[in-house]
């Protein structure tokens, strides 16, 4: 997880592999070679979002190895485990609602965009750039998913 390979102007491989949970539990969260095409597509999509926002993005969760995905309680078919999604915030740009609205309005193609809020009140944006590119917009709060921005 010390790979500083630069994927785009603003995103490195190490940034997408970083995980405090993996570090604390001694889990190797290195992206396997066969998932590198997904990581490149993800980084390209993230660069479009970064350019749109004009502000840094703080990634809280990028790629998740199978062991890390299990440790954090991720779903079995998690797009994080395929190297196709990240969770982030961009405080200098604005809150999660403002970020999601800007991404939707921009026309950037994505698979899923989810405005998330956990039971503790923390919020972040999940964005995926998978093979389907469904333009699916969801809100997750109170343990439930809702269509659109709620």
N, C-alpha and C. Protein backbone atom coordinates (compact mmCIF):
# COMPACT_ATOMS: atom_id res chain seq x y z
N UNK A 1 0.81 -1.20 0.00
CA UNK A 1 0.00 0.00 0.00
C UNK A 1 0.86 1.26 0.00
N UNK A 2 2.09 1.16 -0.39
CA UNK A 2 2.96 2.32 -0.46
C UNK A 2 3.20 2.73 -1.90
N UNK A 3 2.38 2.24 -2.80
CA UNK A 3 2.55 2.52 -4.22
C UNK A 3 2.09 3.94 -4.51
N UNK A 4 3.02 4.80 -4.94
CA UNK A 4 2.67 6.19 -5.22
C UNK A 4 2.45 6.44 -6.71
N UNK A 5 2.17 5.40 -7.46
CA UNK A 5 1.92 5.50 -8.89
C UNK A 5 0.80 6.51 -9.14
N UNK A 6 1.07 7.52 -9.96
CA UNK A 6 0.10 8.56 -10.26
C UNK A 6 -0.82 8.09 -11.37
N UNK A 7 -2.11 8.00 -11.08
CA UNK A 7 -3.11 7.54 -12.05
C UNK A 7 -3.61 8.68 -12.93
N UNK A 8 -3.83 9.84 -12.31
CA UNK A 8 -4.27 11.05 -13.01
C UNK A 8 -3.57 12.23 -12.35
N UNK A 9 -3.87 13.42 -12.81
CA UNK A 9 -3.26 14.62 -12.25
C UNK A 9 -3.43 14.70 -10.73
N UNK A 10 -4.59 14.33 -10.22
CA UNK A 10 -4.88 14.49 -8.80
C UNK A 10 -5.03 13.21 -8.00
N UNK A 11 -4.92 12.04 -8.63
CA UNK A 11 -5.16 10.80 -7.90
C UNK A 11 -4.04 9.79 -8.12
N UNK A 12 -3.60 9.22 -6.99
CA UNK A 12 -2.55 8.19 -7.04
C UNK A 12 -3.14 6.84 -6.64
N UNK A 13 -2.46 5.79 -7.01
CA UNK A 13 -2.89 4.45 -6.63
C UNK A 13 -2.91 4.30 -5.12
N UNK A 14 -1.90 4.84 -4.44
CA UNK A 14 -1.85 4.70 -2.98
C UNK A 14 -3.06 5.34 -2.31
N UNK A 15 -3.57 6.42 -2.88
CA UNK A 15 -4.75 7.09 -2.33
C UNK A 15 -5.98 6.19 -2.43
N UNK A 16 -6.07 5.42 -3.51
CA UNK A 16 -7.23 4.54 -3.69
C UNK A 16 -7.10 3.24 -2.91
N UNK A 17 -5.89 2.91 -2.48
CA UNK A 17 -5.65 1.70 -1.67
C UNK A 17 -5.67 1.99 -0.17
N UNK A 18 -5.54 3.25 0.21
CA UNK A 18 -5.41 3.62 1.62
C UNK A 18 -6.64 3.23 2.43
N UNK A 19 -6.41 2.69 3.63
CA UNK A 19 -7.50 2.32 4.52
C UNK A 19 -6.97 2.24 5.95
N UNK A 20 -7.58 3.02 6.83
CA UNK A 20 -7.17 2.96 8.24
C UNK A 20 -7.52 1.60 8.85
N UNK A 21 -8.62 1.01 8.40
CA UNK A 21 -9.01 -0.32 8.90
C UNK A 21 -8.00 -1.37 8.46
N UNK A 22 -7.59 -1.32 7.19
CA UNK A 22 -6.60 -2.28 6.70
C UNK A 22 -5.29 -2.13 7.47
N UNK A 23 -4.89 -0.90 7.70
CA UNK A 23 -3.64 -0.65 8.43
C UNK A 23 -3.74 -1.20 9.86
N UNK A 24 -4.84 -0.89 10.52
CA UNK A 24 -5.02 -1.32 11.92
C UNK A 24 -5.09 -2.83 12.05
N UNK A 25 -5.67 -3.50 11.05
CA UNK A 25 -5.85 -4.95 11.12
C UNK A 25 -4.76 -5.72 10.37
N UNK A 26 -3.81 -5.03 9.79
CA UNK A 26 -2.73 -5.70 9.07
C UNK A 26 -3.20 -6.38 7.79
N UNK A 27 -4.19 -5.80 7.12
CA UNK A 27 -4.74 -6.37 5.89
C UNK A 27 -4.04 -5.75 4.68
N UNK A 28 -3.57 -6.59 3.78
CA UNK A 28 -2.98 -6.11 2.54
C UNK A 28 -4.11 -5.64 1.63
N UNK A 29 -4.11 -4.37 1.30
CA UNK A 29 -5.17 -3.81 0.47
C UNK A 29 -4.63 -3.36 -0.90
N UNK A 30 -3.62 -4.05 -1.38
CA UNK A 30 -3.05 -3.73 -2.69
C UNK A 30 -4.00 -4.18 -3.79
N UNK A 31 -4.16 -3.34 -4.80
CA UNK A 31 -5.02 -3.68 -5.93
C UNK A 31 -4.34 -4.76 -6.76
N UNK A 32 -5.04 -5.88 -7.02
CA UNK A 32 -4.44 -6.92 -7.87
C UNK A 32 -4.35 -6.44 -9.32
N UNK A 33 -3.37 -6.95 -10.03
CA UNK A 33 -3.10 -6.55 -11.40
C UNK A 33 -4.36 -6.61 -12.27
N UNK A 34 -5.15 -7.67 -12.12
CA UNK A 34 -6.31 -7.84 -13.00
C UNK A 34 -7.39 -6.78 -12.79
N UNK A 35 -7.34 -6.03 -11.67
CA UNK A 35 -8.33 -4.97 -11.44
C UNK A 35 -7.81 -3.59 -11.84
N UNK A 36 -6.57 -3.51 -12.32
CA UNK A 36 -6.01 -2.21 -12.67
C UNK A 36 -6.80 -1.49 -13.78
N UNK A 37 -7.36 -2.18 -14.77
CA UNK A 37 -8.19 -1.44 -15.74
C UNK A 37 -9.37 -0.73 -15.05
N UNK A 38 -9.99 -1.37 -14.06
CA UNK A 38 -11.09 -0.74 -13.31
C UNK A 38 -10.59 0.48 -12.54
N UNK A 39 -9.41 0.34 -11.93
CA UNK A 39 -8.83 1.44 -11.14
C UNK A 39 -8.54 2.64 -12.04
N UNK A 40 -8.03 2.38 -13.24
CA UNK A 40 -7.77 3.48 -14.17
C UNK A 40 -9.06 4.18 -14.59
N UNK A 41 -10.11 3.40 -14.86
CA UNK A 41 -11.41 3.98 -15.22
C UNK A 41 -11.96 4.79 -14.05
N UNK A 42 -11.82 4.26 -12.83
CA UNK A 42 -12.28 4.95 -11.63
C UNK A 42 -11.54 6.28 -11.47
N UNK A 43 -10.22 6.24 -11.59
CA UNK A 43 -9.42 7.46 -11.44
C UNK A 43 -9.77 8.49 -12.50
N UNK A 44 -10.01 8.05 -13.73
CA UNK A 44 -10.40 8.98 -14.79
C UNK A 44 -11.73 9.65 -14.45
N UNK A 45 -12.69 8.88 -13.94
CA UNK A 45 -13.97 9.44 -13.52
C UNK A 45 -13.82 10.40 -12.35
N UNK A 46 -12.99 10.01 -11.39
CA UNK A 46 -12.74 10.88 -10.24
C UNK A 46 -12.09 12.20 -10.66
N UNK A 47 -11.21 12.13 -11.65
CA UNK A 47 -10.56 13.35 -12.13
C UNK A 47 -11.59 14.30 -12.73
N UNK A 48 -12.58 13.76 -13.44
CA UNK A 48 -13.65 14.61 -13.97
C UNK A 48 -14.41 15.29 -12.83
N UNK A 49 -14.69 14.54 -11.77
CA UNK A 49 -15.40 15.11 -10.61
C UNK A 49 -14.53 16.16 -9.93
N UNK A 50 -13.25 15.86 -9.76
CA UNK A 50 -12.32 16.81 -9.12
C UNK A 50 -12.23 18.10 -9.93
N UNK A 51 -12.15 17.99 -11.24
CA UNK A 51 -12.11 19.16 -12.10
C UNK A 51 -13.40 19.97 -11.99
N UNK A 52 -14.53 19.28 -11.92
CA UNK A 52 -15.83 19.94 -11.76
C UNK A 52 -15.89 20.71 -10.44
N UNK A 53 -15.51 20.06 -9.36
CA UNK A 53 -15.60 20.68 -8.03
C UNK A 53 -14.57 21.79 -7.85
N UNK A 54 -13.42 21.64 -8.49
CA UNK A 54 -12.38 22.64 -8.35
C UNK A 54 -11.78 22.69 -6.96
N UNK A 55 -12.02 21.64 -6.19
CA UNK A 55 -11.54 21.56 -4.80
C UNK A 55 -11.09 20.14 -4.52
N UNK A 56 -10.20 19.96 -3.54
CA UNK A 56 -9.75 18.60 -3.18
C UNK A 56 -10.91 17.72 -2.71
N UNK A 57 -10.73 16.44 -2.97
CA UNK A 57 -11.68 15.42 -2.50
C UNK A 57 -10.95 14.57 -1.48
N UNK A 58 -11.59 14.31 -0.36
CA UNK A 58 -11.02 13.46 0.67
C UNK A 58 -11.67 12.09 0.54
N UNK A 59 -10.89 11.10 0.12
CA UNK A 59 -11.42 9.75 -0.09
C UNK A 59 -11.33 8.97 1.22
N UNK A 60 -12.47 8.50 1.69
CA UNK A 60 -12.50 7.72 2.93
C UNK A 60 -12.48 6.22 2.65
N UNK A 61 -12.90 5.83 1.46
CA UNK A 61 -12.89 4.41 1.10
C UNK A 61 -12.79 4.29 -0.42
N UNK A 62 -11.75 3.62 -0.88
CA UNK A 62 -11.57 3.36 -2.30
C UNK A 62 -11.65 1.87 -2.53
N UNK A 63 -10.57 1.32 -3.11
CA UNK A 63 -10.52 -0.12 -3.33
C UNK A 63 -10.57 -0.85 -1.99
N UNK A 64 -11.29 -1.99 -1.97
CA UNK A 64 -11.33 -2.86 -0.79
C UNK A 64 -11.02 -4.29 -1.22
N UNK A 65 -9.93 -4.83 -0.68
CA UNK A 65 -9.63 -6.24 -0.91
C UNK A 65 -10.75 -7.07 -0.30
N UNK A 66 -10.88 -8.35 -0.68
CA UNK A 66 -11.93 -9.18 -0.07
C UNK A 66 -11.87 -9.18 1.46
N UNK A 67 -10.65 -9.26 2.03
CA UNK A 67 -10.51 -9.27 3.49
C UNK A 67 -10.95 -7.94 4.10
N UNK A 68 -10.59 -6.84 3.45
CA UNK A 68 -11.00 -5.53 3.97
C UNK A 68 -12.49 -5.33 3.82
N UNK A 69 -13.04 -5.73 2.69
CA UNK A 69 -14.48 -5.58 2.47
C UNK A 69 -15.26 -6.32 3.56
N UNK A 70 -14.79 -7.52 3.91
CA UNK A 70 -15.43 -8.30 4.98
C UNK A 70 -15.27 -7.59 6.33
N UNK A 71 -14.07 -7.06 6.59
CA UNK A 71 -13.80 -6.40 7.87
C UNK A 71 -14.66 -5.16 8.09
N UNK A 72 -15.00 -4.45 7.01
CA UNK A 72 -15.81 -3.24 7.16
C UNK A 72 -17.31 -3.51 6.98
N UNK A 73 -17.67 -4.77 6.77
CA UNK A 73 -19.08 -5.12 6.62
C UNK A 73 -19.64 -4.76 5.25
N UNK A 74 -18.78 -4.71 4.24
CA UNK A 74 -19.24 -4.40 2.88
C UNK A 74 -20.05 -5.54 2.29
N UNK A 75 -20.93 -5.22 1.36
CA UNK A 75 -21.73 -6.25 0.71
C UNK A 75 -20.85 -7.09 -0.20
N UNK A 76 -21.26 -8.33 -0.46
CA UNK A 76 -20.45 -9.24 -1.25
C UNK A 76 -20.16 -8.73 -2.66
N UNK A 77 -21.13 -8.07 -3.27
CA UNK A 77 -20.96 -7.56 -4.64
C UNK A 77 -20.54 -6.09 -4.66
N UNK A 78 -19.84 -5.65 -3.63
CA UNK A 78 -19.43 -4.25 -3.51
C UNK A 78 -18.61 -3.79 -4.71
N UNK A 79 -18.98 -2.63 -5.25
CA UNK A 79 -18.19 -2.08 -6.34
C UNK A 79 -16.81 -1.61 -5.85
N UNK A 80 -16.67 -1.37 -4.55
CA UNK A 80 -15.35 -1.06 -3.99
C UNK A 80 -14.41 -2.25 -4.18
N UNK A 81 -14.92 -3.46 -4.00
CA UNK A 81 -14.10 -4.68 -4.10
C UNK A 81 -13.68 -4.95 -5.55
N UNK A 82 -14.37 -4.33 -6.50
CA UNK A 82 -13.99 -4.47 -7.92
C UNK A 82 -13.15 -3.29 -8.40
N UNK A 83 -12.83 -2.37 -7.50
CA UNK A 83 -12.05 -1.20 -7.88
C UNK A 83 -12.84 -0.22 -8.72
N UNK A 84 -14.15 -0.15 -8.48
CA UNK A 84 -15.01 0.69 -9.32
C UNK A 84 -15.70 1.82 -8.57
N UNK A 85 -15.39 2.03 -7.28
CA UNK A 85 -16.10 3.06 -6.53
C UNK A 85 -15.25 3.62 -5.39
N UNK A 86 -15.61 4.84 -4.99
CA UNK A 86 -15.02 5.47 -3.81
C UNK A 86 -16.10 6.18 -3.02
N UNK A 87 -15.79 6.41 -1.76
CA UNK A 87 -16.59 7.27 -0.89
C UNK A 87 -15.73 8.50 -0.61
N UNK A 88 -16.33 9.69 -0.67
CA UNK A 88 -15.53 10.90 -0.48
C UNK A 88 -16.38 12.05 0.05
N UNK A 89 -15.67 13.08 0.49
CA UNK A 89 -16.27 14.37 0.81
C UNK A 89 -15.39 15.43 0.16
N UNK A 90 -15.91 16.62 0.05
CA UNK A 90 -15.14 17.76 -0.45
C UNK A 90 -15.62 19.00 0.31
N UNK A 91 -15.17 19.12 1.56
CA UNK A 91 -15.67 20.20 2.42
C UNK A 91 -15.50 21.61 1.85
N UNK A 92 -14.43 21.83 1.11
CA UNK A 92 -14.22 23.17 0.55
C UNK A 92 -15.23 23.48 -0.56
N UNK A 93 -15.79 22.44 -1.19
CA UNK A 93 -16.81 22.66 -2.21
C UNK A 93 -18.18 22.83 -1.57
N UNK A 94 -18.50 21.94 -0.62
CA UNK A 94 -19.81 22.03 0.03
C UNK A 94 -20.24 20.70 0.59
N UNK A 95 -21.48 20.65 1.03
CA UNK A 95 -22.01 19.42 1.65
C UNK A 95 -22.34 18.38 0.59
N UNK A 96 -22.75 17.21 1.05
CA UNK A 96 -23.00 16.10 0.13
C UNK A 96 -24.13 16.40 -0.85
N UNK A 97 -25.14 17.12 -0.41
CA UNK A 97 -26.24 17.49 -1.30
C UNK A 97 -25.72 18.35 -2.45
N UNK A 98 -24.92 19.35 -2.13
CA UNK A 98 -24.38 20.26 -3.14
C UNK A 98 -23.46 19.52 -4.11
N UNK A 99 -22.64 18.60 -3.57
CA UNK A 99 -21.73 17.82 -4.42
C UNK A 99 -22.54 16.97 -5.40
N UNK A 100 -23.53 16.24 -4.88
CA UNK A 100 -24.34 15.37 -5.75
C UNK A 100 -25.08 16.17 -6.81
N UNK A 101 -25.66 17.29 -6.42
CA UNK A 101 -26.37 18.12 -7.39
C UNK A 101 -25.44 18.60 -8.50
N UNK A 102 -24.21 18.98 -8.14
CA UNK A 102 -23.25 19.45 -9.15
C UNK A 102 -22.87 18.32 -10.11
N UNK A 103 -22.66 17.12 -9.58
CA UNK A 103 -22.29 15.99 -10.43
C UNK A 103 -23.42 15.65 -11.39
N UNK A 104 -24.64 15.60 -10.88
CA UNK A 104 -25.80 15.29 -11.73
C UNK A 104 -25.95 16.34 -12.84
N UNK A 105 -25.88 17.59 -12.46
CA UNK A 105 -26.06 18.69 -13.42
C UNK A 105 -24.96 18.70 -14.48
N UNK A 106 -23.77 18.24 -14.13
CA UNK A 106 -22.60 18.30 -15.02
C UNK A 106 -22.71 17.38 -16.24
N UNK A 107 -23.47 16.30 -16.10
CA UNK A 107 -23.56 15.32 -17.18
C UNK A 107 -22.44 14.29 -17.14
N UNK A 108 -21.60 14.32 -16.10
CA UNK A 108 -20.56 13.29 -15.96
C UNK A 108 -21.24 11.93 -15.90
N UNK A 109 -20.74 10.99 -16.68
CA UNK A 109 -21.31 9.64 -16.71
C UNK A 109 -20.76 8.83 -15.54
N UNK A 110 -21.65 8.18 -14.79
CA UNK A 110 -21.28 7.35 -13.65
C UNK A 110 -22.21 6.15 -13.59
N UNK A 111 -21.85 5.18 -12.79
CA UNK A 111 -22.73 4.04 -12.58
C UNK A 111 -23.72 4.36 -11.46
N UNK A 112 -23.18 4.64 -10.28
CA UNK A 112 -24.02 4.98 -9.13
C UNK A 112 -23.49 6.22 -8.44
N UNK A 113 -24.40 7.04 -7.98
CA UNK A 113 -24.09 8.20 -7.14
C UNK A 113 -25.02 8.08 -5.94
N UNK A 114 -24.43 7.97 -4.76
CA UNK A 114 -25.24 7.77 -3.56
C UNK A 114 -24.85 8.81 -2.52
N UNK A 115 -25.82 9.59 -2.08
CA UNK A 115 -25.62 10.49 -0.95
C UNK A 115 -25.88 9.65 0.29
N UNK A 116 -24.83 9.44 1.09
CA UNK A 116 -24.94 8.53 2.22
C UNK A 116 -24.85 9.26 3.56
N UNK A 117 -25.61 8.74 4.51
CA UNK A 117 -25.57 9.23 5.89
C UNK A 117 -25.74 8.03 6.81
N UNK A 118 -24.77 7.83 7.70
CA UNK A 118 -24.89 6.70 8.61
C UNK A 118 -25.69 7.09 9.86
N UNK A 119 -25.93 6.12 10.71
CA UNK A 119 -26.78 6.35 11.89
C UNK A 119 -26.13 7.32 12.88
N UNK A 120 -24.81 7.52 12.77
CA UNK A 120 -24.11 8.46 13.65
C UNK A 120 -24.16 9.89 13.10
N UNK A 121 -24.70 10.05 11.90
CA UNK A 121 -24.83 11.38 11.30
C UNK A 121 -23.72 11.78 10.35
N UNK A 122 -22.73 10.92 10.16
CA UNK A 122 -21.66 11.23 9.20
C UNK A 122 -22.21 11.10 7.78
N UNK A 123 -21.76 12.00 6.90
CA UNK A 123 -22.22 11.98 5.52
C UNK A 123 -21.04 11.91 4.56
N UNK A 124 -21.26 11.28 3.41
CA UNK A 124 -20.27 11.19 2.36
C UNK A 124 -20.98 10.87 1.05
N UNK A 125 -20.24 11.00 -0.04
CA UNK A 125 -20.75 10.68 -1.37
C UNK A 125 -20.07 9.40 -1.84
N UNK A 126 -20.86 8.47 -2.33
CA UNK A 126 -20.35 7.26 -2.97
C UNK A 126 -20.54 7.47 -4.47
N UNK A 127 -19.47 7.29 -5.22
CA UNK A 127 -19.60 7.36 -6.68
C UNK A 127 -18.88 6.17 -7.29
N UNK A 128 -19.54 5.56 -8.25
CA UNK A 128 -18.99 4.41 -8.93
C UNK A 128 -18.93 4.62 -10.42
N UNK A 129 -17.88 4.07 -11.01
CA UNK A 129 -17.70 4.12 -12.46
C UNK A 129 -17.51 2.69 -12.93
N UNK A 130 -18.59 1.91 -12.92
CA UNK A 130 -18.52 0.50 -13.30
C UNK A 130 -18.82 0.29 -14.77
N UNK A 131 -19.03 -0.96 -15.11
CA UNK A 131 -19.25 -1.31 -16.51
C UNK A 131 -20.64 -0.89 -17.01
N UNK A 132 -21.61 -0.75 -16.10
CA UNK A 132 -22.97 -0.46 -16.54
C UNK A 132 -23.25 1.02 -16.77
N UNK A 133 -22.67 1.90 -15.99
CA UNK A 133 -22.87 3.34 -16.12
C UNK A 133 -24.37 3.68 -16.17
N UNK A 134 -25.10 3.25 -15.15
CA UNK A 134 -26.55 3.36 -15.08
C UNK A 134 -27.09 4.75 -14.78
N UNK A 135 -26.23 5.67 -14.34
CA UNK A 135 -26.69 7.00 -13.91
C UNK A 135 -27.71 6.87 -12.78
N UNK A 136 -27.50 5.88 -11.92
CA UNK A 136 -28.41 5.64 -10.80
C UNK A 136 -28.08 6.57 -9.64
N UNK A 137 -29.08 7.31 -9.17
CA UNK A 137 -28.91 8.24 -8.07
C UNK A 137 -29.76 7.75 -6.90
N UNK A 138 -29.10 7.59 -5.75
CA UNK A 138 -29.77 7.10 -4.55
C UNK A 138 -29.38 7.94 -3.34
N UNK A 139 -30.19 7.85 -2.30
CA UNK A 139 -29.86 8.41 -1.00
C UNK A 139 -29.96 7.28 0.00
N UNK A 140 -28.95 7.17 0.86
CA UNK A 140 -28.96 6.16 1.92
C UNK A 140 -28.98 6.89 3.26
N UNK A 141 -30.05 6.67 4.01
CA UNK A 141 -30.13 7.25 5.35
C UNK A 141 -31.09 6.41 6.19
N UNK A 142 -30.82 6.38 7.46
CA UNK A 142 -31.68 5.62 8.36
C UNK A 142 -31.70 4.14 8.04
N UNK A 143 -30.62 3.64 7.44
CA UNK A 143 -30.53 2.22 7.12
C UNK A 143 -31.30 1.80 5.88
N UNK A 144 -31.77 2.79 5.08
CA UNK A 144 -32.56 2.47 3.88
C UNK A 144 -32.07 3.26 2.68
N UNK A 145 -32.29 2.68 1.50
CA UNK A 145 -31.99 3.36 0.24
C UNK A 145 -33.26 3.97 -0.31
N UNK A 146 -33.14 5.18 -0.86
CA UNK A 146 -34.23 5.89 -1.51
C UNK A 146 -33.77 6.29 -2.90
N UNK A 147 -34.68 6.25 -3.88
CA UNK A 147 -34.33 6.68 -5.23
C UNK A 147 -34.23 8.20 -5.24
N UNK A 148 -33.21 8.71 -5.94
CA UNK A 148 -33.02 10.14 -6.06
C UNK A 148 -32.34 10.74 -4.84
N UNK A 149 -32.25 12.07 -4.85
CA UNK A 149 -31.68 12.78 -3.71
C UNK A 149 -32.81 13.16 -2.75
N UNK A 150 -32.70 12.69 -1.53
CA UNK A 150 -33.73 12.94 -0.52
C UNK A 150 -33.16 13.83 0.56
